[in-house]
Amino acid sequence: MSENASPEAVTPDCAQIGRRRFLVRLSITLSSIGAALVAIPSVAFLLGIRKTPQVWQTVGRLDDFKAGSTVRVSFQDPSPLPWAGVTAQTAAWLRRVDEQQFVAFSINCTHLGCPVRWLANANLFMCPCHGGVFYADGTVASGPPPRPLSQYPARVYDGLVQIMASPTPIT
């Protein structure tokens, strides 16, 4: 520092460099934290580390279902987000095969996830979005669906019909 330079003239430059360095480091740190908050759950999902809960959901009493009939049943998604609201309710198509055996199909088409309808007089599931058709056993009859309808395990427990619910399948 020269004799003619005052300390006030040097201080603002040093403060400016210190402030700039601090703000750069702060923005890098906050950006790294934000990237980690997005990357860690994404990597866990892709690697299959995060397991989604599967729970038995009661959908009705055994007496509520007639043998040979297919009905729509509603139940709570096992992993709803706090802000899910009504969308935490999901559904399945449930068929009573005999006295103790049930088959439950996902309500979502395996093509693009549109909800399928049950046409009782045709004995078919129909997807209204792109014309996908499924037989009563869930196999593809025609249209663009690449796979049969997803199935949920179903059981009768203590006089109640239950479905092992899992989050809506990603197609």
N, C-alpha and C. Protein backbone atom coordinates (compact mmCIF):
# COMPACT_ATOMS: atom_id res chain seq x y z
N MET A 1 0.84 -1.15 0.00
CA MET A 1 0.00 0.00 0.00
C MET A 1 0.90 1.23 0.00
N SER A 2 0.56 2.19 -0.81
CA SER A 2 1.38 3.39 -0.91
C SER A 2 1.02 4.35 0.22
N GLU A 3 1.89 5.33 0.41
CA GLU A 3 1.69 6.30 1.50
C GLU A 3 0.49 7.18 1.24
N ASN A 4 0.21 7.48 -0.02
CA ASN A 4 -0.88 8.39 -0.35
C ASN A 4 -2.26 7.72 -0.30
N ALA A 5 -2.32 6.40 -0.35
CA ALA A 5 -3.62 5.71 -0.36
C ALA A 5 -4.16 5.65 1.05
N SER A 6 -5.40 5.98 1.16
CA SER A 6 -6.03 5.95 2.49
C SER A 6 -6.61 4.56 2.74
N PRO A 7 -6.77 4.15 3.97
CA PRO A 7 -7.32 2.83 4.28
C PRO A 7 -8.78 2.70 3.82
N GLU A 8 -9.52 3.79 3.76
CA GLU A 8 -10.91 3.74 3.32
C GLU A 8 -11.01 3.35 1.86
N ALA A 9 -10.04 3.71 1.03
CA ALA A 9 -10.07 3.41 -0.40
C ALA A 9 -9.84 1.92 -0.63
N VAL A 10 -9.08 1.25 0.21
CA VAL A 10 -8.77 -0.16 0.03
C VAL A 10 -9.88 -1.04 0.62
N THR A 11 -10.49 -0.67 1.69
CA THR A 11 -11.48 -1.48 2.39
C THR A 11 -12.69 -1.85 1.54
N PRO A 12 -13.33 -0.95 0.77
CA PRO A 12 -14.49 -1.36 -0.02
C PRO A 12 -14.15 -2.46 -1.02
N ASP A 13 -12.95 -2.43 -1.66
CA ASP A 13 -12.60 -3.48 -2.60
C ASP A 13 -12.46 -4.82 -1.90
N CYS A 14 -11.81 -4.83 -0.74
CA CYS A 14 -11.66 -6.07 0.02
C CYS A 14 -13.03 -6.58 0.47
N ALA A 15 -13.90 -5.69 0.91
CA ALA A 15 -15.25 -6.08 1.34
C ALA A 15 -16.05 -6.62 0.16
N GLN A 16 -15.87 -5.98 -1.02
CA GLN A 16 -16.59 -6.42 -2.22
C GLN A 16 -16.14 -7.83 -2.62
N ILE A 17 -14.86 -8.09 -2.58
CA ILE A 17 -14.34 -9.41 -2.93
C ILE A 17 -14.81 -10.44 -1.91
N GLY A 18 -14.77 -10.11 -0.65
CA GLY A 18 -15.23 -11.02 0.41
C GLY A 18 -16.71 -11.33 0.28
N ARG A 19 -17.51 -10.31 0.00
CA ARG A 19 -18.95 -10.49 -0.16
C ARG A 19 -19.25 -11.34 -1.38
N ARG A 20 -18.56 -11.08 -2.48
CA ARG A 20 -18.77 -11.84 -3.71
C ARG A 20 -18.40 -13.31 -3.49
N ARG A 21 -17.27 -13.55 -2.87
CA ARG A 21 -16.83 -14.92 -2.59
C ARG A 21 -17.86 -15.63 -1.70
N PHE A 22 -18.36 -14.94 -0.68
CA PHE A 22 -19.36 -15.52 0.21
C PHE A 22 -20.64 -15.88 -0.55
N LEU A 23 -21.12 -14.96 -1.40
CA LEU A 23 -22.35 -15.22 -2.15
C LEU A 23 -22.18 -16.36 -3.16
N VAL A 24 -21.01 -16.46 -3.78
CA VAL A 24 -20.75 -17.57 -4.71
C VAL A 24 -20.77 -18.89 -3.95
N ARG A 25 -20.09 -18.92 -2.84
CA ARG A 25 -20.06 -20.16 -2.04
C ARG A 25 -21.45 -20.52 -1.52
N LEU A 26 -22.21 -19.52 -1.10
CA LEU A 26 -23.57 -19.74 -0.61
C LEU A 26 -24.45 -20.30 -1.73
N SER A 27 -24.37 -19.73 -2.91
CA SER A 27 -25.21 -20.21 -4.02
C SER A 27 -24.80 -21.62 -4.45
N ILE A 28 -23.52 -21.93 -4.44
CA ILE A 28 -23.06 -23.29 -4.78
C ILE A 28 -23.56 -24.28 -3.73
N THR A 29 -23.48 -23.93 -2.47
CA THR A 29 -23.94 -24.81 -1.39
C THR A 29 -25.44 -25.06 -1.49
N LEU A 30 -26.21 -23.98 -1.66
CA LEU A 30 -27.67 -24.15 -1.76
C LEU A 30 -28.07 -24.92 -3.01
N SER A 31 -27.37 -24.71 -4.12
CA SER A 31 -27.65 -25.46 -5.34
C SER A 31 -27.34 -26.94 -5.15
N SER A 32 -26.24 -27.23 -4.46
CA SER A 32 -25.88 -28.63 -4.20
C SER A 32 -26.91 -29.31 -3.31
N ILE A 33 -27.39 -28.62 -2.31
CA ILE A 33 -28.43 -29.19 -1.43
C ILE A 33 -29.70 -29.44 -2.23
N GLY A 34 -30.10 -28.48 -3.05
CA GLY A 34 -31.30 -28.65 -3.89
C GLY A 34 -31.16 -29.82 -4.85
N ALA A 35 -30.00 -29.96 -5.47
CA ALA A 35 -29.77 -31.07 -6.40
C ALA A 35 -29.82 -32.41 -5.66
N ALA A 36 -29.28 -32.47 -4.45
CA ALA A 36 -29.30 -33.71 -3.68
C ALA A 36 -30.74 -34.07 -3.28
N LEU A 37 -31.55 -33.07 -2.94
CA LEU A 37 -32.94 -33.32 -2.57
C LEU A 37 -33.73 -33.92 -3.74
N VAL A 38 -33.37 -33.60 -4.95
CA VAL A 38 -34.04 -34.16 -6.12
C VAL A 38 -33.39 -35.48 -6.52
N ALA A 39 -32.09 -35.57 -6.48
CA ALA A 39 -31.37 -36.73 -7.00
C ALA A 39 -31.50 -37.97 -6.12
N ILE A 40 -31.42 -37.82 -4.83
CA ILE A 40 -31.42 -39.00 -3.94
C ILE A 40 -32.72 -39.81 -4.07
N PRO A 41 -33.92 -39.19 -3.95
CA PRO A 41 -35.14 -40.00 -4.13
C PRO A 41 -35.26 -40.57 -5.54
N SER A 42 -34.80 -39.82 -6.54
CA SER A 42 -34.88 -40.31 -7.92
C SER A 42 -34.01 -41.54 -8.11
N VAL A 43 -32.80 -41.51 -7.62
CA VAL A 43 -31.90 -42.66 -7.74
C VAL A 43 -32.45 -43.84 -6.94
N ALA A 44 -32.99 -43.58 -5.75
CA ALA A 44 -33.57 -44.66 -4.94
C ALA A 44 -34.74 -45.31 -5.68
N PHE A 45 -35.56 -44.52 -6.35
CA PHE A 45 -36.67 -45.06 -7.12
C PHE A 45 -36.18 -45.90 -8.29
N LEU A 46 -35.20 -45.38 -9.03
CA LEU A 46 -34.69 -46.08 -10.20
C LEU A 46 -33.99 -47.39 -9.84
N LEU A 47 -33.33 -47.42 -8.70
CA LEU A 47 -32.63 -48.62 -8.27
C LEU A 47 -33.53 -49.59 -7.51
N GLY A 48 -34.75 -49.17 -7.23
CA GLY A 48 -35.68 -50.03 -6.51
C GLY A 48 -35.41 -50.13 -5.03
N ILE A 49 -34.67 -49.17 -4.49
CA ILE A 49 -34.35 -49.19 -3.06
C ILE A 49 -35.59 -48.83 -2.24
N ARG A 50 -36.32 -47.83 -2.70
CA ARG A 50 -37.51 -47.39 -1.96
C ARG A 50 -38.65 -48.35 -2.27
N LYS A 51 -39.13 -49.01 -1.27
CA LYS A 51 -40.22 -49.96 -1.43
C LYS A 51 -41.54 -49.27 -1.11
N THR A 52 -42.51 -49.50 -1.98
CA THR A 52 -43.82 -48.93 -1.73
C THR A 52 -44.60 -49.86 -0.81
N PRO A 53 -45.38 -49.30 0.09
CA PRO A 53 -46.10 -50.15 1.02
C PRO A 53 -47.21 -50.94 0.32
N GLN A 54 -47.39 -52.15 0.76
CA GLN A 54 -48.49 -52.98 0.26
C GLN A 54 -49.26 -53.45 1.48
N VAL A 55 -50.53 -53.11 1.52
CA VAL A 55 -51.36 -53.45 2.67
C VAL A 55 -52.67 -54.07 2.19
N TRP A 56 -53.26 -54.90 3.03
CA TRP A 56 -54.56 -55.48 2.72
C TRP A 56 -55.62 -54.45 3.03
N GLN A 57 -56.38 -54.08 2.00
CA GLN A 57 -57.47 -53.12 2.14
C GLN A 57 -58.80 -53.87 2.07
N THR A 58 -59.66 -53.66 3.03
CA THR A 58 -60.98 -54.27 3.01
C THR A 58 -61.87 -53.52 2.03
N VAL A 59 -62.52 -54.26 1.13
CA VAL A 59 -63.38 -53.63 0.11
C VAL A 59 -64.85 -54.00 0.27
N GLY A 60 -65.16 -54.87 1.22
CA GLY A 60 -66.55 -55.23 1.48
C GLY A 60 -66.67 -56.55 2.21
N ARG A 61 -67.92 -56.88 2.60
CA ARG A 61 -68.18 -58.17 3.24
C ARG A 61 -68.36 -59.23 2.18
N LEU A 62 -68.09 -60.45 2.53
CA LEU A 62 -68.22 -61.57 1.61
C LEU A 62 -69.63 -61.65 1.03
N ASP A 63 -70.63 -61.37 1.85
CA ASP A 63 -72.03 -61.45 1.41
C ASP A 63 -72.40 -60.36 0.41
N ASP A 64 -71.59 -59.32 0.27
CA ASP A 64 -71.90 -58.21 -0.63
C ASP A 64 -71.68 -58.55 -2.11
N PHE A 65 -71.00 -59.66 -2.39
CA PHE A 65 -70.61 -59.98 -3.77
C PHE A 65 -71.26 -61.27 -4.23
N LYS A 66 -71.87 -61.25 -5.42
CA LYS A 66 -72.49 -62.45 -6.00
C LYS A 66 -71.45 -63.20 -6.83
N ALA A 67 -71.54 -64.52 -6.82
CA ALA A 67 -70.63 -65.34 -7.61
C ALA A 67 -70.83 -65.04 -9.10
N GLY A 68 -69.72 -64.88 -9.81
CA GLY A 68 -69.76 -64.60 -11.25
C GLY A 68 -69.91 -63.14 -11.61
N SER A 69 -70.10 -62.27 -10.64
CA SER A 69 -70.27 -60.84 -10.96
C SER A 69 -68.95 -60.09 -10.83
N THR A 70 -68.83 -59.04 -11.64
CA THR A 70 -67.67 -58.16 -11.60
C THR A 70 -68.16 -56.77 -11.21
N VAL A 71 -67.59 -56.23 -10.13
CA VAL A 71 -68.01 -54.91 -9.64
C VAL A 71 -66.79 -54.05 -9.37
N ARG A 72 -67.03 -52.76 -9.40
CA ARG A 72 -65.97 -51.80 -9.08
C ARG A 72 -65.96 -51.57 -7.58
N VAL A 73 -64.78 -51.65 -6.99
CA VAL A 73 -64.63 -51.38 -5.55
C VAL A 73 -63.60 -50.27 -5.37
N SER A 74 -63.82 -49.44 -4.37
CA SER A 74 -62.91 -48.32 -4.08
C SER A 74 -62.16 -48.59 -2.78
N PHE A 75 -60.95 -48.07 -2.71
CA PHE A 75 -60.14 -48.20 -1.51
C PHE A 75 -59.10 -47.10 -1.48
N GLN A 76 -58.48 -46.93 -0.33
CA GLN A 76 -57.46 -45.89 -0.12
C GLN A 76 -56.12 -46.35 -0.68
N ASP A 77 -55.46 -45.49 -1.47
CA ASP A 77 -54.11 -45.77 -1.96
C ASP A 77 -53.20 -45.95 -0.74
N PRO A 78 -52.35 -46.99 -0.72
CA PRO A 78 -51.53 -47.25 0.46
C PRO A 78 -50.43 -46.23 0.71
N SER A 79 -50.11 -45.40 -0.25
CA SER A 79 -49.05 -44.41 -0.02
C SER A 79 -49.51 -43.02 -0.47
N PRO A 80 -50.61 -42.52 0.08
CA PRO A 80 -51.07 -41.21 -0.37
C PRO A 80 -50.15 -40.10 0.14
N LEU A 81 -50.01 -39.09 -0.65
CA LEU A 81 -49.24 -37.92 -0.23
C LEU A 81 -50.16 -37.05 0.62
N PRO A 82 -49.58 -36.25 1.52
CA PRO A 82 -50.43 -35.45 2.41
C PRO A 82 -51.40 -34.54 1.66
N TRP A 83 -51.05 -34.11 0.48
CA TRP A 83 -51.89 -33.19 -0.27
C TRP A 83 -52.74 -33.90 -1.33
N ALA A 84 -52.79 -35.24 -1.30
CA ALA A 84 -53.48 -36.01 -2.34
C ALA A 84 -54.99 -35.78 -2.37
N GLY A 85 -55.59 -35.59 -1.21
CA GLY A 85 -57.02 -35.35 -1.15
C GLY A 85 -57.81 -36.50 -1.76
N VAL A 86 -58.76 -36.18 -2.63
CA VAL A 86 -59.63 -37.17 -3.25
C VAL A 86 -58.84 -38.14 -4.13
N THR A 87 -57.73 -37.70 -4.68
CA THR A 87 -56.96 -38.58 -5.57
C THR A 87 -56.31 -39.74 -4.82
N ALA A 88 -56.33 -39.72 -3.48
CA ALA A 88 -55.81 -40.85 -2.72
C ALA A 88 -56.77 -42.04 -2.79
N GLN A 89 -58.01 -41.81 -3.23
CA GLN A 89 -58.96 -42.90 -3.44
C GLN A 89 -58.67 -43.54 -4.79
N THR A 90 -58.60 -44.84 -4.83
CA THR A 90 -58.39 -45.55 -6.08
C THR A 90 -59.43 -46.66 -6.17
N ALA A 91 -59.40 -47.43 -7.23
CA ALA A 91 -60.42 -48.45 -7.42
C ALA A 91 -59.83 -49.66 -8.12
N ALA A 92 -60.60 -50.73 -8.13
CA ALA A 92 -60.24 -51.96 -8.83
C ALA A 92 -61.53 -52.64 -9.29
N TRP A 93 -61.40 -53.54 -10.23
CA TRP A 93 -62.52 -54.38 -10.66
C TRP A 93 -62.38 -55.71 -9.94
N LEU A 94 -63.41 -56.09 -9.19
CA LEU A 94 -63.37 -57.30 -8.38
C LEU A 94 -64.40 -58.30 -8.89
N ARG A 95 -63.96 -59.52 -9.16
CA ARG A 95 -64.85 -60.58 -9.62
C ARG A 95 -64.84 -61.71 -8.60
N ARG A 96 -66.03 -62.12 -8.22
CA ARG A 96 -66.15 -63.29 -7.34
C ARG A 96 -66.24 -64.52 -8.22
N VAL A 97 -65.24 -65.37 -8.16
CA VAL A 97 -65.17 -66.57 -9.00
C VAL A 97 -66.04 -67.67 -8.40
N ASP A 98 -65.89 -67.94 -7.10
CA ASP A 98 -66.71 -68.93 -6.41
C ASP A 98 -66.87 -68.50 -4.96
N GLU A 99 -67.21 -69.43 -4.08
CA GLU A 99 -67.51 -69.08 -2.69
C GLU A 99 -66.37 -68.35 -1.98
N GLN A 100 -65.14 -68.77 -2.21
CA GLN A 100 -64.01 -68.18 -1.49
C GLN A 100 -62.95 -67.55 -2.38
N GLN A 101 -63.12 -67.57 -3.69
CA GLN A 101 -62.08 -67.08 -4.59
C GLN A 101 -62.52 -65.81 -5.31
N PHE A 102 -61.62 -64.82 -5.28
CA PHE A 102 -61.85 -63.54 -5.94
C PHE A 102 -60.66 -63.20 -6.83
N VAL A 103 -60.93 -62.44 -7.88
CA VAL A 103 -59.87 -61.92 -8.75
C VAL A 103 -60.07 -60.41 -8.80
N ALA A 104 -58.99 -59.66 -8.62
CA ALA A 104 -59.07 -58.19 -8.65
C ALA A 104 -58.15 -57.65 -9.74
N PHE A 105 -58.70 -56.81 -10.60
CA PHE A 105 -57.93 -56.21 -11.69
C PHE A 105 -57.75 -54.73 -11.43
N SER A 106 -56.61 -54.21 -11.85
CA SER A 106 -56.39 -52.77 -11.79
C SER A 106 -57.40 -52.10 -12.71
N ILE A 107 -57.81 -50.93 -12.33
CA ILE A 107 -58.79 -50.20 -13.13
C ILE A 107 -58.10 -49.46 -14.29
N ASN A 108 -56.77 -49.46 -14.28
CA ASN A 108 -56.02 -48.71 -15.28
C ASN A 108 -55.55 -49.57 -16.44
N CYS A 109 -55.76 -49.07 -17.65
CA CYS A 109 -55.31 -49.75 -18.87
C CYS A 109 -53.78 -49.80 -18.88
N THR A 110 -53.24 -50.87 -19.43
CA THR A 110 -51.78 -51.02 -19.49
C THR A 110 -51.16 -50.26 -20.66
N HIS A 111 -51.98 -49.58 -21.45
CA HIS A 111 -51.45 -48.79 -22.55
C HIS A 111 -50.99 -47.43 -22.03
N LEU A 112 -51.93 -46.60 -21.61
CA LEU A 112 -51.57 -45.27 -21.10
C LEU A 112 -52.20 -44.95 -19.75
N GLY A 113 -52.79 -45.94 -19.09
CA GLY A 113 -53.30 -45.74 -17.74
C GLY A 113 -54.71 -45.18 -17.65
N CYS A 114 -55.43 -45.11 -18.75
CA CYS A 114 -56.82 -44.63 -18.69
C CYS A 114 -57.66 -45.65 -17.92
N PRO A 115 -58.72 -45.20 -17.25
CA PRO A 115 -59.57 -46.15 -16.51
C PRO A 115 -60.43 -46.98 -17.46
N VAL A 116 -60.41 -48.29 -17.27
CA VAL A 116 -61.20 -49.18 -18.12
C VAL A 116 -62.59 -49.35 -17.52
N ARG A 117 -63.55 -49.66 -18.39
CA ARG A 117 -64.94 -49.91 -17.98
C ARG A 117 -65.23 -51.40 -18.13
N TRP A 118 -66.14 -51.89 -17.31
CA TRP A 118 -66.59 -53.27 -17.44
C TRP A 118 -67.92 -53.26 -18.19
N LEU A 119 -67.98 -53.97 -19.30
CA LEU A 119 -69.21 -54.10 -20.07
C LEU A 119 -69.76 -55.49 -19.81
N ALA A 120 -70.73 -55.58 -18.88
CA ALA A 120 -71.23 -56.88 -18.43
C ALA A 120 -71.88 -57.67 -19.55
N ASN A 121 -72.68 -57.02 -20.43
CA ASN A 121 -73.37 -57.77 -21.49
C ASN A 121 -72.39 -58.27 -22.55
N ALA A 122 -71.22 -57.66 -22.68
CA ALA A 122 -70.21 -58.13 -23.64
C ALA A 122 -69.16 -59.00 -22.95
N ASN A 123 -69.15 -58.98 -21.60
CA ASN A 123 -68.17 -59.72 -20.82
C ASN A 123 -66.74 -59.29 -21.15
N LEU A 124 -66.55 -57.96 -21.31
CA LEU A 124 -65.25 -57.39 -21.69
C LEU A 124 -64.95 -56.14 -20.88
N PHE A 125 -63.66 -55.85 -20.72
CA PHE A 125 -63.21 -54.57 -20.21
C PHE A 125 -62.88 -53.70 -21.42
N MET A 126 -63.27 -52.45 -21.39
CA MET A 126 -63.06 -51.56 -22.53
C MET A 126 -62.35 -50.29 -22.06
N CYS A 127 -61.30 -49.90 -22.77
CA CYS A 127 -60.61 -48.64 -22.49
C CYS A 127 -61.13 -47.59 -23.48
N PRO A 128 -61.71 -46.51 -22.97
CA PRO A 128 -62.29 -45.52 -23.87
C PRO A 128 -61.27 -44.61 -24.56
N CYS A 129 -60.05 -44.59 -24.10
CA CYS A 129 -59.07 -43.64 -24.65
C CYS A 129 -58.60 -44.03 -26.06
N HIS A 130 -58.17 -45.27 -26.24
CA HIS A 130 -57.63 -45.68 -27.54
C HIS A 130 -58.21 -47.00 -28.02
N GLY A 131 -59.34 -47.41 -27.45
CA GLY A 131 -60.03 -48.59 -27.94
C GLY A 131 -59.45 -49.92 -27.50
N GLY A 132 -58.68 -49.93 -26.43
CA GLY A 132 -58.16 -51.20 -25.93
C GLY A 132 -59.29 -52.04 -25.36
N VAL A 133 -59.24 -53.35 -25.62
CA VAL A 133 -60.26 -54.27 -25.14
C VAL A 133 -59.57 -55.44 -24.44
N PHE A 134 -60.13 -55.82 -23.28
CA PHE A 134 -59.58 -56.94 -22.50
C PHE A 134 -60.69 -57.96 -22.27
N TYR A 135 -60.33 -59.23 -22.31
CA TYR A 135 -61.28 -60.29 -21.97
C TYR A 135 -61.58 -60.25 -20.47
N ALA A 136 -62.54 -61.03 -20.05
CA ALA A 136 -62.94 -61.07 -18.64
C ALA A 136 -61.81 -61.53 -17.72
N ASP A 137 -60.85 -62.29 -18.23
CA ASP A 137 -59.71 -62.72 -17.41
C ASP A 137 -58.57 -61.70 -17.42
N GLY A 138 -58.77 -60.55 -18.07
CA GLY A 138 -57.78 -59.48 -18.08
C GLY A 138 -56.80 -59.52 -19.23
N THR A 139 -56.82 -60.57 -20.04
CA THR A 139 -55.90 -60.65 -21.17
C THR A 139 -56.36 -59.71 -22.30
N VAL A 140 -55.43 -59.31 -23.13
CA VAL A 140 -55.71 -58.35 -24.20
C VAL A 140 -56.51 -59.03 -25.30
N ALA A 141 -57.63 -58.41 -25.66
CA ALA A 141 -58.45 -58.90 -26.77
C ALA A 141 -58.07 -58.17 -28.06
N SER A 142 -57.93 -56.85 -27.98
CA SER A 142 -57.53 -56.07 -29.16
C SER A 142 -57.09 -54.69 -28.73
N GLY A 143 -56.53 -53.97 -29.69
CA GLY A 143 -56.12 -52.59 -29.44
C GLY A 143 -54.66 -52.47 -29.06
N PRO A 144 -54.29 -51.29 -28.60
CA PRO A 144 -52.87 -51.02 -28.32
C PRO A 144 -52.30 -51.51 -26.99
N PRO A 145 -53.09 -51.99 -26.01
CA PRO A 145 -52.45 -52.39 -24.75
C PRO A 145 -51.39 -53.47 -24.95
N PRO A 146 -50.19 -53.27 -24.39
CA PRO A 146 -49.11 -54.23 -24.58
C PRO A 146 -49.18 -55.45 -23.65
N ARG A 147 -49.91 -55.32 -22.54
CA ARG A 147 -49.95 -56.39 -21.53
C ARG A 147 -51.38 -56.55 -21.01
N PRO A 148 -51.65 -57.68 -20.35
CA PRO A 148 -52.95 -57.85 -19.69
C PRO A 148 -53.12 -56.84 -18.56
N LEU A 149 -54.34 -56.70 -18.07
CA LEU A 149 -54.60 -55.83 -16.93
C LEU A 149 -53.79 -56.32 -15.72
N SER A 150 -53.26 -55.39 -14.96
CA SER A 150 -52.54 -55.75 -13.74
C SER A 150 -53.54 -56.31 -12.74
N GLN A 151 -53.09 -57.25 -11.93
CA GLN A 151 -53.97 -57.86 -10.93
C GLN A 151 -53.46 -57.56 -9.53
N TYR A 152 -54.40 -57.43 -8.61
CA TYR A 152 -54.11 -57.32 -7.19
C TYR A 152 -54.39 -58.67 -6.55
N PRO A 153 -53.57 -59.11 -5.62
CA PRO A 153 -53.93 -60.31 -4.86
C PRO A 153 -55.21 -60.02 -4.06
N ALA A 154 -56.10 -60.99 -3.99
CA ALA A 154 -57.36 -60.84 -3.25
C ALA A 154 -57.52 -62.04 -2.32
N ARG A 155 -58.19 -61.82 -1.19
CA ARG A 155 -58.42 -62.89 -0.24
C ARG A 155 -59.70 -62.63 0.55
N VAL A 156 -60.15 -63.69 1.20
CA VAL A 156 -61.26 -63.57 2.14
C VAL A 156 -60.66 -63.80 3.52
N TYR A 157 -60.86 -62.83 4.40
CA TYR A 157 -60.28 -62.91 5.74
C TYR A 157 -61.35 -62.52 6.75
N ASP A 158 -61.74 -63.45 7.57
CA ASP A 158 -62.71 -63.21 8.64
C ASP A 158 -64.03 -62.64 8.10
N GLY A 159 -64.47 -63.19 6.97
CA GLY A 159 -65.74 -62.77 6.38
C GLY A 159 -65.66 -61.48 5.58
N LEU A 160 -64.46 -60.93 5.41
CA LEU A 160 -64.27 -59.69 4.66
C LEU A 160 -63.44 -59.97 3.41
N VAL A 161 -63.76 -59.29 2.33
CA VAL A 161 -62.98 -59.41 1.10
C VAL A 161 -61.92 -58.31 1.13
N GLN A 162 -60.68 -58.71 0.91
CA GLN A 162 -59.57 -57.76 0.96
C GLN A 162 -58.74 -57.85 -0.31
N ILE A 163 -58.16 -56.70 -0.67
CA ILE A 163 -57.25 -56.60 -1.80
C ILE A 163 -55.91 -56.12 -1.27
N MET A 164 -54.81 -56.75 -1.71
CA MET A 164 -53.50 -56.25 -1.33
C MET A 164 -53.21 -55.06 -2.23
N ALA A 165 -53.41 -53.90 -1.67
CA ALA A 165 -53.29 -52.67 -2.45
C ALA A 165 -51.84 -52.23 -2.55
N SER A 166 -51.55 -51.71 -3.69
CA SER A 166 -50.25 -51.09 -3.92
C SER A 166 -50.54 -49.84 -4.75
N PRO A 167 -49.59 -48.92 -4.83
CA PRO A 167 -49.84 -47.73 -5.62
C PRO A 167 -50.18 -48.08 -7.07
N THR A 168 -50.87 -47.18 -7.73
CA THR A 168 -51.28 -47.39 -9.11
C THR A 168 -50.07 -47.80 -9.94
N PRO A 169 -50.16 -48.92 -10.68
CA PRO A 169 -49.00 -49.37 -11.44
C PRO A 169 -48.57 -48.37 -12.50
N ILE A 170 -47.28 -48.19 -12.63
CA ILE A 170 -46.74 -47.32 -13.67
C ILE A 170 -46.63 -48.15 -14.94
N THR A 171 -47.27 -47.68 -15.99
CA THR A 171 -47.26 -48.45 -17.24
C THR A 171 -46.30 -47.88 -18.23
